[in-house]
N, C-alpha and C. Protein backbone atom coordinates (compact mmCIF):
# COMPACT_ATOMS: atom_id res chain seq x y z
N MET A 1 0.81 -1.18 0.00
CA MET A 1 0.00 0.00 0.00
C MET A 1 0.86 1.25 0.00
N ARG A 2 0.43 2.19 -0.80
CA ARG A 2 1.13 3.47 -0.85
C ARG A 2 0.45 4.47 0.09
N PRO A 3 1.23 5.27 0.81
CA PRO A 3 0.60 6.31 1.64
C PRO A 3 0.00 7.39 0.74
N GLU A 4 -1.10 7.96 1.21
CA GLU A 4 -1.76 9.02 0.43
C GLU A 4 -0.90 10.27 0.44
N ARG A 5 -0.88 10.91 -0.72
CA ARG A 5 -0.06 12.11 -0.86
C ARG A 5 -0.90 13.22 -1.46
N GLY A 6 -0.45 14.48 -1.23
CA GLY A 6 -1.08 15.62 -1.87
C GLY A 6 -2.19 16.26 -1.08
N PHE A 7 -2.44 15.80 0.13
CA PHE A 7 -3.51 16.40 0.91
C PHE A 7 -3.13 17.80 1.39
N ALA A 8 -1.89 18.08 1.64
CA ALA A 8 -1.45 19.38 2.17
C ALA A 8 -1.56 20.49 1.12
N ILE A 9 -1.37 20.19 -0.14
CA ILE A 9 -1.42 21.22 -1.18
C ILE A 9 -2.83 21.81 -1.33
N PRO A 10 -3.88 21.02 -1.44
CA PRO A 10 -5.22 21.64 -1.52
C PRO A 10 -5.58 22.43 -0.26
N ALA A 11 -5.18 21.94 0.91
CA ALA A 11 -5.47 22.66 2.15
C ALA A 11 -4.73 24.00 2.17
N ALA A 12 -3.49 24.02 1.74
CA ALA A 12 -2.71 25.26 1.70
C ALA A 12 -3.30 26.24 0.70
N ILE A 13 -3.73 25.76 -0.46
CA ILE A 13 -4.35 26.64 -1.46
C ILE A 13 -5.65 27.22 -0.91
N PHE A 14 -6.44 26.39 -0.23
CA PHE A 14 -7.69 26.88 0.37
C PHE A 14 -7.41 27.98 1.39
N ILE A 15 -6.45 27.76 2.24
CA ILE A 15 -6.11 28.76 3.27
C ILE A 15 -5.60 30.05 2.61
N LEU A 16 -4.78 29.94 1.58
CA LEU A 16 -4.30 31.14 0.87
C LEU A 16 -5.45 31.91 0.23
N VAL A 17 -6.40 31.20 -0.36
CA VAL A 17 -7.55 31.86 -0.99
C VAL A 17 -8.39 32.57 0.07
N VAL A 18 -8.61 31.92 1.20
CA VAL A 18 -9.38 32.55 2.28
C VAL A 18 -8.67 33.80 2.78
N PHE A 19 -7.38 33.75 2.99
CA PHE A 19 -6.63 34.93 3.44
C PHE A 19 -6.63 36.03 2.38
N ALA A 20 -6.56 35.67 1.12
CA ALA A 20 -6.61 36.68 0.05
C ALA A 20 -7.97 37.38 0.02
N VAL A 21 -9.04 36.62 0.18
CA VAL A 21 -10.38 37.22 0.21
C VAL A 21 -10.53 38.12 1.43
N LEU A 22 -10.07 37.69 2.58
CA LEU A 22 -10.13 38.52 3.79
C LEU A 22 -9.30 39.79 3.63
N GLY A 23 -8.13 39.67 3.04
CA GLY A 23 -7.29 40.84 2.81
C GLY A 23 -7.96 41.83 1.87
N ALA A 24 -8.54 41.34 0.80
CA ALA A 24 -9.24 42.22 -0.14
C ALA A 24 -10.43 42.90 0.53
N ALA A 25 -11.15 42.18 1.37
CA ALA A 25 -12.28 42.77 2.09
C ALA A 25 -11.81 43.86 3.05
N LEU A 26 -10.71 43.64 3.74
CA LEU A 26 -10.17 44.65 4.65
C LEU A 26 -9.71 45.90 3.90
N VAL A 27 -9.08 45.72 2.76
CA VAL A 27 -8.64 46.87 1.96
C VAL A 27 -9.84 47.68 1.49
N THR A 28 -10.88 47.01 1.02
CA THR A 28 -12.08 47.69 0.56
C THR A 28 -12.75 48.43 1.71
N LEU A 29 -12.88 47.79 2.85
CA LEU A 29 -13.51 48.39 4.02
C LEU A 29 -12.73 49.62 4.49
N THR A 30 -11.42 49.53 4.52
CA THR A 30 -10.59 50.65 4.92
C THR A 30 -10.72 51.80 3.94
N SER A 31 -10.74 51.50 2.66
CA SER A 31 -10.87 52.54 1.64
C SER A 31 -12.20 53.27 1.76
N VAL A 32 -13.28 52.53 1.93
CA VAL A 32 -14.61 53.14 2.08
C VAL A 32 -14.66 53.98 3.35
N SER A 33 -14.09 53.49 4.42
CA SER A 33 -14.08 54.21 5.69
C SER A 33 -13.32 55.53 5.55
N ASN A 34 -12.19 55.51 4.85
CA ASN A 34 -11.42 56.73 4.64
C ASN A 34 -12.19 57.74 3.80
N GLU A 35 -12.90 57.27 2.78
CA GLU A 35 -13.69 58.17 1.94
C GLU A 35 -14.83 58.79 2.74
N GLU A 36 -15.49 58.00 3.59
CA GLU A 36 -16.58 58.53 4.41
C GLU A 36 -16.07 59.55 5.41
N THR A 37 -14.91 59.32 5.98
CA THR A 37 -14.33 60.27 6.92
C THR A 37 -14.00 61.58 6.22
N ALA A 38 -13.42 61.50 5.04
CA ALA A 38 -13.11 62.71 4.28
C ALA A 38 -14.38 63.47 3.91
N LEU A 39 -15.44 62.76 3.57
CA LEU A 39 -16.70 63.40 3.23
C LEU A 39 -17.32 64.06 4.46
N ASP A 40 -17.20 63.44 5.63
CA ASP A 40 -17.68 64.06 6.86
C ASP A 40 -16.96 65.37 7.14
N VAL A 41 -15.66 65.39 6.92
CA VAL A 41 -14.88 66.62 7.13
C VAL A 41 -15.34 67.69 6.15
N GLN A 42 -15.57 67.32 4.90
CA GLN A 42 -16.05 68.28 3.90
C GLN A 42 -17.43 68.82 4.27
N GLN A 43 -18.30 67.98 4.81
CA GLN A 43 -19.63 68.43 5.21
C GLN A 43 -19.54 69.42 6.36
N THR A 44 -18.65 69.20 7.29
CA THR A 44 -18.46 70.13 8.39
C THR A 44 -17.91 71.45 7.88
N ARG A 45 -16.97 71.39 6.95
CA ARG A 45 -16.42 72.62 6.36
C ARG A 45 -17.50 73.39 5.61
N ALA A 46 -18.38 72.68 4.90
CA ALA A 46 -19.47 73.34 4.18
C ALA A 46 -20.43 74.03 5.16
N PHE A 47 -20.71 73.38 6.28
CA PHE A 47 -21.58 73.99 7.29
C PHE A 47 -20.95 75.27 7.82
N ARG A 48 -19.67 75.23 8.12
CA ARG A 48 -18.99 76.42 8.65
C ARG A 48 -18.94 77.53 7.60
N ALA A 49 -18.76 77.18 6.35
CA ALA A 49 -18.76 78.18 5.29
C ALA A 49 -20.14 78.82 5.16
N ALA A 50 -21.20 78.01 5.23
CA ALA A 50 -22.57 78.55 5.17
C ALA A 50 -22.84 79.44 6.38
N GLN A 51 -22.34 79.05 7.52
CA GLN A 51 -22.52 79.86 8.72
C GLN A 51 -21.83 81.22 8.56
N GLY A 52 -20.65 81.23 7.99
CA GLY A 52 -19.95 82.49 7.73
C GLY A 52 -20.71 83.35 6.73
N GLY A 53 -21.27 82.74 5.70
CA GLY A 53 -22.07 83.48 4.73
C GLY A 53 -23.33 84.06 5.34
N LEU A 54 -23.96 83.33 6.23
CA LEU A 54 -25.17 83.81 6.91
C LEU A 54 -24.84 85.02 7.78
N GLU A 55 -23.74 84.94 8.51
CA GLU A 55 -23.33 86.07 9.34
C GLU A 55 -22.99 87.28 8.48
N TRP A 56 -22.36 87.06 7.34
CA TRP A 56 -22.06 88.16 6.41
C TRP A 56 -23.35 88.81 5.94
N GLY A 57 -24.35 88.01 5.60
CA GLY A 57 -25.64 88.54 5.16
C GLY A 57 -26.32 89.35 6.26
N PHE A 58 -26.29 88.85 7.50
CA PHE A 58 -26.85 89.60 8.62
C PHE A 58 -26.16 90.95 8.76
N TYR A 59 -24.85 90.94 8.63
CA TYR A 59 -24.07 92.18 8.75
C TYR A 59 -24.47 93.17 7.66
N GLN A 60 -24.64 92.69 6.43
CA GLN A 60 -25.00 93.58 5.32
C GLN A 60 -26.38 94.21 5.56
N VAL A 61 -27.32 93.43 6.07
CA VAL A 61 -28.66 93.96 6.34
C VAL A 61 -28.60 94.97 7.47
N ARG A 62 -27.90 94.64 8.53
CA ARG A 62 -27.83 95.53 9.68
C ARG A 62 -27.10 96.83 9.37
N LYS A 63 -26.10 96.77 8.53
CA LYS A 63 -25.36 98.00 8.22
C LYS A 63 -26.07 98.82 7.15
N GLY A 64 -27.12 98.27 6.55
CA GLY A 64 -27.92 99.04 5.61
C GLY A 64 -27.45 99.00 4.18
N THR A 65 -26.76 97.94 3.79
CA THR A 65 -26.33 97.80 2.40
C THR A 65 -26.99 96.56 1.80
N PRO A 66 -28.32 96.63 1.61
CA PRO A 66 -29.00 95.45 1.08
C PRO A 66 -28.64 95.15 -0.37
N ALA A 67 -28.05 96.12 -1.09
CA ALA A 67 -27.69 95.86 -2.48
C ALA A 67 -26.62 94.78 -2.58
N SER A 68 -25.76 94.69 -1.57
CA SER A 68 -24.71 93.67 -1.61
C SER A 68 -25.26 92.28 -1.26
N CYS A 69 -26.45 92.26 -0.72
CA CYS A 69 -27.10 90.98 -0.40
C CYS A 69 -28.51 91.05 -0.96
N SER A 70 -28.68 90.64 -2.21
CA SER A 70 -29.96 90.78 -2.89
C SER A 70 -30.56 89.41 -3.20
N SER A 71 -31.74 89.44 -3.80
CA SER A 71 -32.39 88.17 -4.15
C SER A 71 -31.68 87.48 -5.31
N ALA A 72 -30.82 88.21 -6.03
CA ALA A 72 -30.07 87.61 -7.13
C ALA A 72 -28.93 86.73 -6.61
N GLY A 73 -28.49 87.00 -5.40
CA GLY A 73 -27.41 86.20 -4.82
C GLY A 73 -26.06 86.85 -5.01
N ALA A 74 -25.27 86.80 -3.98
CA ALA A 74 -23.92 87.34 -4.01
C ALA A 74 -22.96 86.27 -3.55
N GLU A 75 -21.84 86.15 -4.24
CA GLU A 75 -20.81 85.22 -3.80
C GLU A 75 -19.96 85.89 -2.74
N VAL A 76 -19.73 85.17 -1.67
CA VAL A 76 -18.96 85.70 -0.55
C VAL A 76 -17.63 84.96 -0.50
N ALA A 77 -16.56 85.73 -0.42
CA ALA A 77 -15.23 85.14 -0.30
C ALA A 77 -14.88 85.03 1.18
N LEU A 78 -14.57 83.84 1.62
CA LEU A 78 -14.20 83.61 3.01
C LEU A 78 -12.69 83.56 3.13
N ASP A 79 -12.16 84.25 4.13
CA ASP A 79 -10.71 84.35 4.29
C ASP A 79 -10.08 83.17 5.02
N ALA A 80 -10.88 82.35 5.66
CA ALA A 80 -10.33 81.25 6.44
C ALA A 80 -9.68 80.22 5.52
N PRO A 81 -8.42 79.88 5.77
CA PRO A 81 -7.75 78.90 4.89
C PRO A 81 -8.40 77.53 4.94
N THR A 82 -9.06 77.19 6.04
CA THR A 82 -9.70 75.88 6.12
C THR A 82 -10.96 75.81 5.27
N LEU A 83 -11.45 76.96 4.81
CA LEU A 83 -12.66 76.99 3.99
C LEU A 83 -12.36 77.28 2.53
N SER A 84 -11.09 77.24 2.17
CA SER A 84 -10.75 77.46 0.76
C SER A 84 -11.33 76.31 -0.06
N GLY A 85 -11.74 76.64 -1.25
CA GLY A 85 -12.36 75.64 -2.10
C GLY A 85 -13.87 75.61 -1.99
N PHE A 86 -14.43 76.42 -1.11
CA PHE A 86 -15.88 76.49 -0.96
C PHE A 86 -16.41 77.80 -1.53
N THR A 87 -17.53 77.70 -2.20
CA THR A 87 -18.23 78.86 -2.73
C THR A 87 -19.46 79.08 -1.86
N VAL A 88 -19.68 80.33 -1.45
CA VAL A 88 -20.84 80.65 -0.63
C VAL A 88 -21.68 81.67 -1.38
N THR A 89 -22.94 81.36 -1.61
CA THR A 89 -23.87 82.28 -2.25
C THR A 89 -24.90 82.71 -1.21
N VAL A 90 -25.04 84.03 -1.03
CA VAL A 90 -25.94 84.58 -0.03
C VAL A 90 -27.04 85.36 -0.74
N THR A 91 -28.28 85.09 -0.37
CA THR A 91 -29.41 85.83 -0.92
C THR A 91 -30.21 86.42 0.24
N CYS A 92 -30.80 87.57 -0.01
CA CYS A 92 -31.63 88.25 0.98
C CYS A 92 -32.97 88.57 0.34
N SER A 93 -34.04 88.41 1.11
CA SER A 93 -35.37 88.76 0.60
C SER A 93 -36.22 89.28 1.74
N ASP A 94 -37.02 90.32 1.44
CA ASP A 94 -37.93 90.89 2.42
C ASP A 94 -39.07 89.90 2.66
N ILE A 95 -39.48 89.77 3.94
CA ILE A 95 -40.55 88.81 4.21
C ILE A 95 -41.73 89.42 4.96
N ALA A 96 -41.61 90.62 5.47
CA ALA A 96 -42.75 91.23 6.17
C ALA A 96 -42.69 92.74 6.02
N VAL A 97 -43.84 93.36 6.13
CA VAL A 97 -43.93 94.80 6.00
C VAL A 97 -44.51 95.36 7.29
N ASN A 98 -43.92 96.44 7.79
CA ASN A 98 -44.46 97.06 8.99
C ASN A 98 -45.51 98.11 8.62
N GLU A 99 -46.02 98.83 9.62
CA GLU A 99 -47.10 99.79 9.39
C GLU A 99 -46.70 100.90 8.43
N ALA A 100 -45.44 101.27 8.43
CA ALA A 100 -44.97 102.36 7.57
C ALA A 100 -44.84 101.92 6.11
N GLY A 101 -44.98 100.64 5.85
CA GLY A 101 -44.90 100.15 4.48
C GLY A 101 -43.52 99.68 4.07
N SER A 102 -42.55 99.76 4.97
CA SER A 102 -41.21 99.30 4.62
C SER A 102 -40.97 97.91 5.20
N PRO A 103 -40.09 97.15 4.60
CA PRO A 103 -39.83 95.79 5.09
C PRO A 103 -39.28 95.82 6.51
N ALA A 104 -39.80 94.97 7.36
CA ALA A 104 -39.35 94.91 8.75
C ALA A 104 -38.39 93.76 8.99
N PHE A 105 -38.52 92.70 8.20
CA PHE A 105 -37.67 91.52 8.38
C PHE A 105 -37.05 91.14 7.04
N VAL A 106 -35.89 90.55 7.13
CA VAL A 106 -35.20 90.07 5.93
C VAL A 106 -34.79 88.62 6.17
N ARG A 107 -35.09 87.78 5.20
CA ARG A 107 -34.65 86.38 5.24
C ARG A 107 -33.31 86.30 4.52
N VAL A 108 -32.34 85.79 5.22
CA VAL A 108 -31.00 85.63 4.65
C VAL A 108 -30.76 84.13 4.49
N THR A 109 -30.38 83.73 3.28
CA THR A 109 -30.09 82.33 3.00
C THR A 109 -28.66 82.22 2.47
N ALA A 110 -27.90 81.35 3.08
CA ALA A 110 -26.52 81.11 2.65
C ALA A 110 -26.40 79.67 2.19
N VAL A 111 -25.89 79.49 0.98
CA VAL A 111 -25.67 78.17 0.41
C VAL A 111 -24.17 78.02 0.18
N ALA A 112 -23.58 77.02 0.81
CA ALA A 112 -22.15 76.77 0.65
C ALA A 112 -21.96 75.41 0.00
N CYS A 113 -21.06 75.37 -0.98
CA CYS A 113 -20.76 74.10 -1.63
C CYS A 113 -19.31 74.12 -2.09
N ASN A 114 -18.82 72.97 -2.42
CA ASN A 114 -17.43 72.88 -2.86
C ASN A 114 -17.31 72.87 -4.38
N ALA A 115 -18.26 73.54 -5.05
CA ALA A 115 -18.16 73.76 -6.50
C ALA A 115 -17.33 75.02 -6.72
N PRO A 116 -16.65 75.12 -7.83
CA PRO A 116 -15.84 76.32 -8.06
C PRO A 116 -16.70 77.56 -8.24
N ALA A 117 -16.15 78.70 -7.87
CA ALA A 117 -16.85 79.97 -8.04
C ALA A 117 -16.96 80.29 -9.52
N GLY A 118 -17.93 81.08 -9.86
CA GLY A 118 -18.09 81.44 -11.27
C GLY A 118 -19.17 82.49 -11.45
N ASP A 119 -19.40 82.86 -12.67
CA ASP A 119 -20.44 83.82 -12.99
C ASP A 119 -21.36 83.17 -14.00
N PRO A 120 -22.57 82.82 -13.72
CA PRO A 120 -23.27 83.03 -12.46
C PRO A 120 -22.74 82.10 -11.37
N PRO A 121 -23.07 82.43 -10.12
CA PRO A 121 -22.59 81.57 -9.03
C PRO A 121 -23.05 80.12 -9.23
N ARG A 122 -22.18 79.21 -8.94
CA ARG A 122 -22.48 77.78 -9.14
C ARG A 122 -23.01 77.12 -7.88
N CYS A 123 -23.25 77.87 -6.88
CA CYS A 123 -23.68 77.28 -5.63
C CYS A 123 -25.08 77.78 -5.32
N PRO A 124 -26.11 77.02 -5.27
CA PRO A 124 -26.09 75.57 -5.33
C PRO A 124 -25.75 75.08 -6.73
N GLY A 125 -25.05 74.01 -6.76
CA GLY A 125 -24.57 73.50 -8.03
C GLY A 125 -25.12 72.13 -8.35
N ILE A 126 -24.67 71.61 -9.43
CA ILE A 126 -25.03 70.27 -9.84
C ILE A 126 -23.93 69.35 -9.36
N PRO A 127 -24.27 68.36 -8.57
CA PRO A 127 -23.21 67.47 -8.08
C PRO A 127 -22.42 66.85 -9.21
N ALA A 128 -21.19 67.31 -9.37
CA ALA A 128 -20.35 66.85 -10.46
C ALA A 128 -19.52 65.64 -10.05
N ALA A 129 -19.42 65.41 -8.77
CA ALA A 129 -18.58 64.30 -8.31
C ALA A 129 -19.19 63.72 -7.04
N ALA A 130 -18.69 62.59 -6.67
CA ALA A 130 -19.17 61.94 -5.45
C ALA A 130 -18.74 62.71 -4.21
N THR A 131 -17.79 63.62 -4.36
CA THR A 131 -17.31 64.38 -3.21
C THR A 131 -18.00 65.74 -3.08
N TYR A 132 -19.05 65.98 -3.85
CA TYR A 132 -19.78 67.24 -3.77
C TYR A 132 -20.58 67.31 -2.47
N VAL A 133 -20.42 68.43 -1.75
CA VAL A 133 -21.20 68.65 -0.54
C VAL A 133 -21.81 70.05 -0.61
N GLU A 134 -22.96 70.20 0.03
CA GLU A 134 -23.67 71.47 0.02
C GLU A 134 -24.43 71.61 1.33
N ARG A 135 -24.40 72.81 1.90
CA ARG A 135 -25.15 73.09 3.10
C ARG A 135 -25.90 74.40 2.89
N VAL A 136 -27.15 74.45 3.39
CA VAL A 136 -27.99 75.64 3.28
C VAL A 136 -28.41 76.04 4.68
N LEU A 137 -28.18 77.30 5.01
CA LEU A 137 -28.63 77.85 6.30
C LEU A 137 -29.49 79.07 6.01
N THR A 138 -30.56 79.23 6.76
CA THR A 138 -31.46 80.36 6.60
C THR A 138 -31.70 80.99 7.95
N GLY A 139 -31.75 82.32 7.97
CA GLY A 139 -32.02 83.05 9.20
C GLY A 139 -32.84 84.30 8.89
N ILE A 140 -33.45 84.85 9.91
CA ILE A 140 -34.25 86.06 9.74
C ILE A 140 -33.66 87.14 10.64
N VAL A 141 -33.53 88.33 10.08
CA VAL A 141 -32.97 89.46 10.81
C VAL A 141 -33.88 90.66 10.62
N THR A 142 -33.94 91.52 11.64
CA THR A 142 -34.73 92.73 11.51
C THR A 142 -33.86 93.84 10.90
N ARG A 143 -34.52 94.76 10.26
CA ARG A 143 -33.79 95.90 9.69
C ARG A 143 -33.48 96.90 10.76
């Protein structure tokens, strides 16, 4: 009788295939996790950019320069280096009239996105990539 041979080779191939599949799954999972983390950071940056645009709009209304914040929308340049790459479009619209007939309240809307600036403003834009993020904040201020 001959002893059986070759049992170790199929077992080794099976183990190598299992480890290769596990390794590929880990690489995919890590890659997806990194992309989601980067997108979360971009979403936070978009929120902060929109918040800055909203405050700029409030300031324009309070200082009495509504032409710089109109219903047509104005692009606001933010000086913070962490917000570079974001476009902020701010619009203002009257929402109520007081007894004298003049607007008493102004709605300020700030839209921030990571689309490039342009004429006309591209924010809100058309999602051109999977990394496109956009945040909209609205507030009301008195004149």
